[in-house]
């Protein structure tokens, strides 16, 4: 989407590193592959809408020079209103249960409050990243979260860790390191090209300033000669 909308071009090394990350995460997360039409449509809509949201979020912040909390404060009420209006009917169509009839308990309320608090922190960090980095870089960073979740599940919750998962995580981490390295080199090369064009612009500006000052001095000299000619009766030669 960045290539189509913003004509962004990625170097072959950066592209290879992104492919490495995707393959590593796929090895870790994909366990059972089955495709149906409804699931494919929903997944496609989810991917496209998420990509559009991330691109617009970063673009609006950089264009209007907004802080992350400023954009979040203006968009969160609209998002919340949309969820309140569309969420319950869609939930009823999918699950067949009405959210208004849910029996609230103290643990459920505590978990809901904790989930909302964490969601706010996630949104703030997302807007901060998108304001500084591109949507592609944000996706690469997002896969780091997946790796951390798997590692914490293995270390804390004692979830089984197979060799396939370990290989996939190692491959994803290698891809992330490659992406950081090659993307940094590409950004540095772009900065060097931009810097190389500055001396020419400065030279042109200095030349223009010099010509302007010379012209101003010439005008002042001509005015002085005319004033002197008037005083002595017009006998001063030009």
C-alpha atoms as a PDB file:
ATOM      1  CA  UNK A   1       0.000   0.000   0.000  1.00  0.00           C
ATOM      2  CA  UNK A   2       2.921   2.369   0.643  1.00  0.00           C
ATOM      3  CA  UNK A   3       4.302   1.523  -2.780  1.00  0.00           C
ATOM      4  CA  UNK A   4       0.953   2.194  -4.475  1.00  0.00           C
ATOM      5  CA  UNK A   5      -0.105   5.339  -2.622  1.00  0.00           C
ATOM      6  CA  UNK A   6       3.185   6.994  -1.716  1.00  0.00           C
ATOM      7  CA  UNK A   7       5.430   5.572  -4.467  1.00  0.00           C
ATOM      8  CA  UNK A   8       7.869   4.348  -1.834  1.00  0.00           C
ATOM      9  CA  UNK A   9      10.611   2.054  -3.104  1.00  0.00           C
ATOM     10  CA  UNK A  10      12.391  -0.584  -1.055  1.00  0.00           C
ATOM     11  CA  UNK A  11      15.880  -1.856  -1.756  1.00  0.00           C
ATOM     12  CA  UNK A  12      16.267  -5.591  -2.495  1.00  0.00           C
ATOM     13  CA  UNK A  13      18.032  -6.082   0.855  1.00  0.00           C
ATOM     14  CA  UNK A  14      15.168  -4.455   2.789  1.00  0.00           C
ATOM     15  CA  UNK A  15      12.628  -6.511   0.849  1.00  0.00           C
ATOM     16  CA  UNK A  16      14.539  -9.732   1.593  1.00  0.00           C
ATOM     17  CA  UNK A  17      14.644  -8.886   5.300  1.00  0.00           C
ATOM     18  CA  UNK A  18      10.868  -8.290   5.382  1.00  0.00           C
ATOM     19  CA  UNK A  19      10.259 -11.614   3.636  1.00  0.00           C
ATOM     20  CA  UNK A  20      12.501 -13.304   6.218  1.00  0.00           C
ATOM     21  CA  UNK A  21      10.466 -11.819   9.067  1.00  0.00           C
ATOM     22  CA  UNK A  22       7.172 -12.909   7.513  1.00  0.00           C
ATOM     23  CA  UNK A  23       8.407 -16.461   6.932  1.00  0.00           C
ATOM     24  CA  UNK A  24       9.713 -16.719  10.495  1.00  0.00           C
ATOM     25  CA  UNK A  25       6.449 -15.492  12.035  1.00  0.00           C
ATOM     26  CA  UNK A  26       4.450 -17.794   9.744  1.00  0.00           C
ATOM     27  CA  UNK A  27       6.483 -20.805  10.889  1.00  0.00           C
ATOM     28  CA  UNK A  28       5.748 -19.898  14.505  1.00  0.00           C
ATOM     29  CA  UNK A  29       2.067 -19.003  14.306  1.00  0.00           C
ATOM     30  CA  UNK A  30       0.573 -21.021  11.436  1.00  0.00           C
ATOM     31  CA  UNK A  31      -0.375 -24.494  12.598  1.00  0.00           C
ATOM     32  CA  UNK A  32      -3.456 -25.450  10.604  1.00  0.00           C
ATOM     33  CA  UNK A  33      -4.139 -24.054   7.142  1.00  0.00           C
ATOM     34  CA  UNK A  34      -7.758 -24.071   6.011  1.00  0.00           C
ATOM     35  CA  UNK A  35      -9.428 -21.494   3.788  1.00  0.00           C
ATOM     36  CA  UNK A  36     -13.094 -20.607   3.405  1.00  0.00           C
ATOM     37  CA  UNK A  37     -14.698 -17.744   1.537  1.00  0.00           C
ATOM     38  CA  UNK A  38     -16.104 -15.861   4.547  1.00  0.00           C
ATOM     39  CA  UNK A  39     -12.855 -16.074   6.492  1.00  0.00           C
ATOM     40  CA  UNK A  40     -10.823 -14.984   3.485  1.00  0.00           C
ATOM     41  CA  UNK A  41     -13.065 -11.940   2.919  1.00  0.00           C
ATOM     42  CA  UNK A  42     -12.951 -10.930   6.591  1.00  0.00           C
ATOM     43  CA  UNK A  43      -9.164 -11.347   6.698  1.00  0.00           C
ATOM     44  CA  UNK A  44      -8.756  -9.264   3.548  1.00  0.00           C
ATOM     45  CA  UNK A  45     -10.937  -6.460   4.910  1.00  0.00           C
ATOM     46  CA  UNK A  46      -9.047  -6.545   8.197  1.00  0.00           C
ATOM     47  CA  UNK A  47      -5.633  -6.320   6.528  1.00  0.00           C
ATOM     48  CA  UNK A  48      -6.623  -3.519   4.139  1.00  0.00           C
ATOM     49  CA  UNK A  49      -8.406  -1.437   6.791  1.00  0.00           C
ATOM     50  CA  UNK A  50      -5.545  -1.854   9.274  1.00  0.00           C
ATOM     51  CA  UNK A  51      -3.004  -0.824   6.638  1.00  0.00           C
ATOM     52  CA  UNK A  52      -5.057   2.229   5.659  1.00  0.00           C
ATOM     53  CA  UNK A  53      -5.441   3.250   9.311  1.00  0.00           C
ATOM     54  CA  UNK A  54      -1.712   3.008   9.944  1.00  0.00           C
ATOM     55  CA  UNK A  55      -0.779   4.913   6.793  1.00  0.00           C
ATOM     56  CA  UNK A  56      -3.289   7.692   7.449  1.00  0.00           C
ATOM     57  CA  UNK A  57      -2.285   7.925  11.102  1.00  0.00           C
ATOM     58  CA  UNK A  58       1.362   8.523  10.268  1.00  0.00           C
ATOM     59  CA  UNK A  59       0.585  10.826   7.345  1.00  0.00           C
ATOM     60  CA  UNK A  60      -1.787  13.047   9.337  1.00  0.00           C
ATOM     61  CA  UNK A  61       0.642  13.350  12.248  1.00  0.00           C
ATOM     62  CA  UNK A  62       3.543  14.382  10.022  1.00  0.00           C
ATOM     63  CA  UNK A  63       1.452  16.667   7.807  1.00  0.00           C
ATOM     64  CA  UNK A  64      -0.155  18.641  10.635  1.00  0.00           C
ATOM     65  CA  UNK A  65       2.751  18.186  13.095  1.00  0.00           C
ATOM     66  CA  UNK A  66       0.543  16.610  15.753  1.00  0.00           C
ATOM     67  CA  UNK A  67       1.595  14.785  18.864  1.00  0.00           C
ATOM     68  CA  UNK A  68       0.401  11.206  19.253  1.00  0.00           C
ATOM     69  CA  UNK A  69      -1.965  12.031  22.126  1.00  0.00           C
ATOM     70  CA  UNK A  70      -3.524  14.892  20.132  1.00  0.00           C
ATOM     71  CA  UNK A  71      -4.507  12.674  17.228  1.00  0.00           C
ATOM     72  CA  UNK A  72      -5.609   9.889  19.576  1.00  0.00           C
ATOM     73  CA  UNK A  73      -7.789  12.266  21.607  1.00  0.00           C
ATOM     74  CA  UNK A  74      -9.600  13.368  18.452  1.00  0.00           C
ATOM     75  CA  UNK A  75     -10.070   9.934  16.889  1.00  0.00           C
ATOM     76  CA  UNK A  76     -10.819   7.816  19.980  1.00  0.00           C
ATOM     77  CA  UNK A  77     -14.351   9.228  20.565  1.00  0.00           C
ATOM     78  CA  UNK A  78     -15.319   8.518  16.956  1.00  0.00           C
ATOM     79  CA  UNK A  79     -13.929   4.990  17.123  1.00  0.00           C
ATOM     80  CA  UNK A  80     -15.720   4.362  20.421  1.00  0.00           C
ATOM     81  CA  UNK A  81     -19.029   5.598  19.025  1.00  0.00           C
ATOM     82  CA  UNK A  82     -18.689   3.336  15.980  1.00  0.00           C
ATOM     83  CA  UNK A  83     -17.990   0.329  18.207  1.00  0.00           C
ATOM     84  CA  UNK A  84     -20.976   1.085  20.450  1.00  0.00           C
ATOM     85  CA  UNK A  85     -23.312   1.336  17.460  1.00  0.00           C
ATOM     86  CA  UNK A  86     -22.006  -1.542  15.329  1.00  0.00           C
ATOM     87  CA  UNK A  87     -20.442  -3.837  17.928  1.00  0.00           C
ATOM     88  CA  UNK A  88     -23.543  -5.340  19.633  1.00  0.00           C
ATOM     89  CA  UNK A  89     -25.475  -6.111  16.409  1.00  0.00           C
ATOM     90  CA  UNK A  90     -22.461  -7.732  14.749  1.00  0.00           C
ATOM     91  CA  UNK A  91     -21.695  -9.678  17.926  1.00  0.00           C
ATOM     92  CA  UNK A  92     -25.288 -10.917  18.024  1.00  0.00           C
ATOM     93  CA  UNK A  93     -25.201 -11.990  14.377  1.00  0.00           C
ATOM     94  CA  UNK A  94     -21.974 -13.952  14.884  1.00  0.00           C
ATOM     95  CA  UNK A  95     -22.451 -15.459  18.353  1.00  0.00           C
ATOM     96  CA  UNK A  96     -26.224 -15.368  18.752  1.00  0.00           C
ATOM     97  CA  UNK A  97     -25.953 -13.808  22.225  1.00  0.00           C
ATOM     98  CA  UNK A  98     -26.897 -10.325  23.393  1.00  0.00           C
ATOM     99  CA  UNK A  99     -24.132  -8.431  25.170  1.00  0.00           C
ATOM    100  CA  UNK A 100     -26.739  -6.504  27.191  1.00  0.00           C
ATOM    101  CA  UNK A 101     -27.788  -9.756  28.904  1.00  0.00           C
ATOM    102  CA  UNK A 102     -24.277 -10.586  30.088  1.00  0.00           C
ATOM    103  CA  UNK A 103     -24.096 -11.272  33.821  1.00  0.00           C
ATOM    104  CA  UNK A 104     -21.390  -9.051  35.265  1.00  0.00           C
ATOM    105  CA  UNK A 105     -19.165 -10.270  38.066  1.00  0.00           C
ATOM    106  CA  UNK A 106     -16.359  -8.587  39.984  1.00  0.00           C
ATOM    107  CA  UNK A 107     -13.560 -10.571  38.250  1.00  0.00           C
ATOM    108  CA  UNK A 108     -15.084  -9.859  34.843  1.00  0.00           C
ATOM    109  CA  UNK A 109     -15.276  -6.141  35.634  1.00  0.00           C
ATOM    110  CA  UNK A 110     -11.666  -6.056  36.836  1.00  0.00           C
ATOM    111  CA  UNK A 111     -10.455  -7.886  33.734  1.00  0.00           C
ATOM    112  CA  UNK A 112     -12.464  -5.530  31.500  1.00  0.00           C
ATOM    113  CA  UNK A 113     -10.970  -2.465  33.202  1.00  0.00           C
ATOM    114  CA  UNK A 114      -7.458  -3.901  32.920  1.00  0.00           C
ATOM    115  CA  UNK A 115      -8.026  -4.741  29.256  1.00  0.00           C
ATOM    116  CA  UNK A 116      -9.231  -1.191  28.514  1.00  0.00           C
ATOM    117  CA  UNK A 117      -6.215   0.292  30.311  1.00  0.00           C
ATOM    118  CA  UNK A 118      -3.794  -1.851  28.342  1.00  0.00           C
ATOM    119  CA  UNK A 119      -5.630  -0.983  25.111  1.00  0.00           C
ATOM    120  CA  UNK A 120      -5.121   2.727  25.815  1.00  0.00           C
ATOM    121  CA  UNK A 121      -1.392   2.175  26.323  1.00  0.00           C
ATOM    122  CA  UNK A 122      -1.208   0.108  23.129  1.00  0.00           C
ATOM    123  CA  UNK A 123      -2.966   2.836  21.146  1.00  0.00           C
ATOM    124  CA  UNK A 124      -0.658   5.525  22.520  1.00  0.00           C
ATOM    125  CA  UNK A 125       2.436   3.497  21.642  1.00  0.00           C
ATOM    126  CA  UNK A 126       1.003   2.747  18.192  1.00  0.00           C
ATOM    127  CA  UNK A 127       0.374   6.412  17.439  1.00  0.00           C
ATOM    128  CA  UNK A 128       3.835   7.338  18.742  1.00  0.00           C
ATOM    129  CA  UNK A 129       5.511   4.777  16.484  1.00  0.00           C
ATOM    130  CA  UNK A 130       3.456   5.697  13.418  1.00  0.00           C
ATOM    131  CA  UNK A 131       4.237   9.388  13.935  1.00  0.00           C
ATOM    132  CA  UNK A 132       7.969   8.672  13.818  1.00  0.00           C
ATOM    133  CA  UNK A 133       8.345   5.550  11.673  1.00  0.00           C
ATOM    134  CA  UNK A 134       6.654   4.189   8.575  1.00  0.00           C
ATOM    135  CA  UNK A 135       3.817   1.672   8.582  1.00  0.00           C
ATOM    136  CA  UNK A 136       6.181  -1.057   7.342  1.00  0.00           C
ATOM    137  CA  UNK A 137       8.587  -0.447  10.215  1.00  0.00           C
ATOM    138  CA  UNK A 138       5.640  -0.531  12.613  1.00  0.00           C
ATOM    139  CA  UNK A 139       4.631  -3.945  11.275  1.00  0.00           C
ATOM    140  CA  UNK A 140       8.155  -5.262  11.789  1.00  0.00           C
ATOM    141  CA  UNK A 141       8.090  -3.938  15.360  1.00  0.00           C
ATOM    142  CA  UNK A 142       4.683  -5.547  15.833  1.00  0.00           C
ATOM    143  CA  UNK A 143       6.126  -8.971  15.089  1.00  0.00           C
ATOM    144  CA  UNK A 144       8.519  -8.413  17.990  1.00  0.00           C
ATOM    145  CA  UNK A 145       5.460  -8.461  20.248  1.00  0.00           C
ATOM    146  CA  UNK A 146       4.499 -11.866  18.859  1.00  0.00           C
ATOM    147  CA  UNK A 147       7.938 -13.271  19.631  1.00  0.00           C
ATOM    148  CA  UNK A 148       7.884 -11.819  23.150  1.00  0.00           C
ATOM    149  CA  UNK A 149       4.437 -13.308  23.839  1.00  0.00           C
ATOM    150  CA  UNK A 150       5.665 -16.749  22.822  1.00  0.00           C
ATOM    151  CA  UNK A 151       8.818 -16.443  24.925  1.00  0.00           C
ATOM    152  CA  UNK A 152       6.891 -15.299  28.003  1.00  0.00           C
ATOM    153  CA  UNK A 153       4.411 -18.148  27.552  1.00  0.00           C
ATOM    154  CA  UNK A 154       7.323 -20.579  27.428  1.00  0.00           C
ATOM    155  CA  UNK A 155       9.239 -19.122  30.383  1.00  0.00           C
ATOM    156  CA  UNK A 156       6.381 -18.159  32.710  1.00  0.00           C
ATOM    157  CA  UNK A 157       3.421 -20.336  31.750  1.00  0.00           C
ATOM    158  CA  UNK A 158       5.549 -23.349  30.832  1.00  0.00           C
ATOM    159  CA  UNK A 159       3.984 -23.681  27.392  1.00  0.00           C
ATOM    160  CA  UNK A 160       5.652 -26.366  25.263  1.00  0.00           C
ATOM    161  CA  UNK A 161       8.263 -25.034  22.856  1.00  0.00           C
ATOM    162  CA  UNK A 162       8.905 -27.159  19.806  1.00  0.00           C
ATOM    163  CA  UNK A 163      11.941 -27.013  17.577  1.00  0.00           C
ATOM    164  CA  UNK A 164       9.823 -25.592  14.774  1.00  0.00           C
ATOM    165  CA  UNK A 165       8.746 -22.641  16.909  1.00  0.00           C
ATOM    166  CA  UNK A 166      12.292 -21.984  18.063  1.00  0.00           C
ATOM    167  CA  UNK A 167      13.523 -22.015  14.471  1.00  0.00           C
ATOM    168  CA  UNK A 168      10.722 -19.672  13.385  1.00  0.00           C
ATOM    169  CA  UNK A 169      11.454 -17.210  16.205  1.00  0.00           C
ATOM    170  CA  UNK A 170      15.184 -17.250  15.439  1.00  0.00           C
ATOM    171  CA  UNK A 171      14.474 -16.653  11.750  1.00  0.00           C
ATOM    172  CA  UNK A 172      12.113 -13.773  12.567  1.00  0.00           C
ATOM    173  CA  UNK A 173      14.664 -12.149  14.879  1.00  0.00           C
ATOM    174  CA  UNK A 174      17.345 -12.428  12.187  1.00  0.00           C
ATOM    175  CA  UNK A 175      14.971 -10.783   9.717  1.00  0.00           C
ATOM    176  CA  UNK A 176      14.269  -7.941  12.163  1.00  0.00           C
ATOM    177  CA  UNK A 177      17.984  -7.314  12.652  1.00  0.00           C
ATOM    178  CA  UNK A 178      18.501  -7.366   8.888  1.00  0.00           C
ATOM    179  CA  UNK A 179      15.638  -4.931   8.387  1.00  0.00           C
ATOM    180  CA  UNK A 180      17.002  -2.488  10.949  1.00  0.00           C
ATOM    181  CA  UNK A 181      20.469  -2.637   9.397  1.00  0.00           C
ATOM    182  CA  UNK A 182      19.512  -2.314   5.728  1.00  0.00           C
ATOM    183  CA  UNK A 183      16.702   0.163   6.325  1.00  0.00           C
ATOM    184  CA  UNK A 184      19.119   2.354   8.281  1.00  0.00           C
ATOM    185  CA  UNK A 185      21.624   2.212   5.426  1.00  0.00           C
ATOM    186  CA  UNK A 186      18.921   3.150   2.918  1.00  0.00           C
ATOM    187  CA  UNK A 187      17.821   6.095   5.066  1.00  0.00           C
ATOM    188  CA  UNK A 188      21.441   7.241   5.431  1.00  0.00           C
ATOM    189  CA  UNK A 189      21.964   7.073   1.660  1.00  0.00           C
ATOM    190  CA  UNK A 190      18.843   9.178   1.108  1.00  0.00           C
ATOM    191  CA  UNK A 191      20.074  11.732   3.655  1.00  0.00           C
ATOM    192  CA  UNK A 192      23.470  11.928   1.912  1.00  0.00           C
ATOM    193  CA  UNK A 193      21.808  12.579  -1.449  1.00  0.00           C
ATOM    194  CA  UNK A 194      19.721  15.333   0.098  1.00  0.00           C
ATOM    195  CA  UNK A 195      22.800  16.858   1.741  1.00  0.00           C
ATOM    196  CA  UNK A 196      24.740  16.837  -1.529  1.00  0.00           C
ATOM    197  CA  UNK A 197      22.163  19.117  -3.118  1.00  0.00           C
ATOM    198  CA  UNK A 198      22.424  21.728  -0.358  1.00  0.00           C
ATOM    199  CA  UNK A 199      25.752  23.396  -1.398  1.00  0.00           C
ATOM    200  CA  UNK A 200      24.389  24.147  -4.864  1.00  0.00           C
ATOM    201  CA  UNK A 201      21.315  25.735  -3.378  1.00  0.00           C
ATOM    202  CA  UNK A 202      23.413  27.743  -0.921  1.00  0.00           C
ATOM    203  CA  UNK A 203      25.719  28.868  -3.731  1.00  0.00           C
ATOM    204  CA  UNK A 204      22.804  30.062  -5.776  1.00  0.00           C
ATOM    205  CA  UNK A 205      21.396  31.884  -2.787  1.00  0.00           C
ATOM    206  CA  UNK A 206      24.752  33.585  -2.048  1.00  0.00           C
ATOM    207  CA  UNK A 207      25.123  34.617  -5.706  1.00  0.00           C
ATOM    208  CA  UNK A 208      21.631  36.049  -5.742  1.00  0.00           C
ATOM    209  CA  UNK A 209      22.300  37.958  -2.505  1.00  0.00           C
ATOM    210  CA  UNK A 210      25.573  39.336  -3.934  1.00  0.00           C
ATOM    211  CA  UNK A 211      23.882  40.461  -7.107  1.00  0.00           C
ATOM    212  CA  UNK A 212      21.152  42.142  -5.119  1.00  0.00           C
ATOM    213  CA  UNK A 213      23.668  43.978  -2.925  1.00  0.00           C
ATOM    214  CA  UNK A 214      25.710  45.078  -5.994  1.00  0.00           C
ATOM    215  CA  UNK A 215      22.591  46.384  -7.682  1.00  0.00           C
ATOM    216  CA  UNK A 216      21.575  48.269  -4.553  1.00  0.00           C
ATOM    217  CA  UNK A 217      25.070  49.846  -4.272  1.00  0.00           C
ATOM    218  CA  UNK A 218      24.912  50.907  -7.932  1.00  0.00           C
ATOM    219  CA  UNK A 219      21.541  52.530  -7.431  1.00  0.00           C
ATOM    220  CA  UNK A 220      22.798  54.422  -4.375  1.00  0.00           C
ATOM    221  CA  UNK A 221      25.885  55.660  -6.336  1.00  0.00           C
ATOM    222  CA  UNK A 222      23.716  56.881  -9.212  1.00  0.00           C
ATOM    223  CA  UNK A 223      21.431  58.718  -6.828  1.00  0.00           C
ATOM    224  CA  UNK A 224      24.486  60.425  -5.222  1.00  0.00           C
ATOM    225  CA  UNK A 225      25.785  61.597  -8.621  1.00  0.00           C
ATOM    226  CA  UNK A 226      22.382  63.012  -9.568  1.00  0.00           C
ATOM    227  CA  UNK A 227      22.160  64.916  -6.282  1.00  0.00           C
ATOM    228  CA  UNK A 228      25.664  66.369  -6.776  1.00  0.00           C
ATOM    229  CA  UNK A 229      24.800  67.436 -10.346  1.00  0.00           C
ATOM    230  CA  UNK A 230      21.776  69.299  -9.102  1.00  0.00           C
ATOM    231  CA  UNK A 231      23.863  71.163  -6.518  1.00  0.00           C
ATOM    232  CA  UNK A 232      26.606  72.333  -8.952  1.00  0.00           C
ATOM    233  CA  UNK A 233      24.252  73.188 -11.753  1.00  0.00           C
ATOM    234  CA  UNK A 234      24.379  69.998 -13.790  1.00  0.00           C
ATOM    235  CA  UNK A 235      28.074  70.119 -14.782  1.00  0.00           C
ATOM    236  CA  UNK A 236      29.031  66.763 -13.312  1.00  0.00           C
ATOM    237  CA  UNK A 237      29.634  64.229 -16.121  1.00  0.00           C
ATOM    238  CA  UNK A 238      27.906  60.874 -15.961  1.00  0.00           C
END
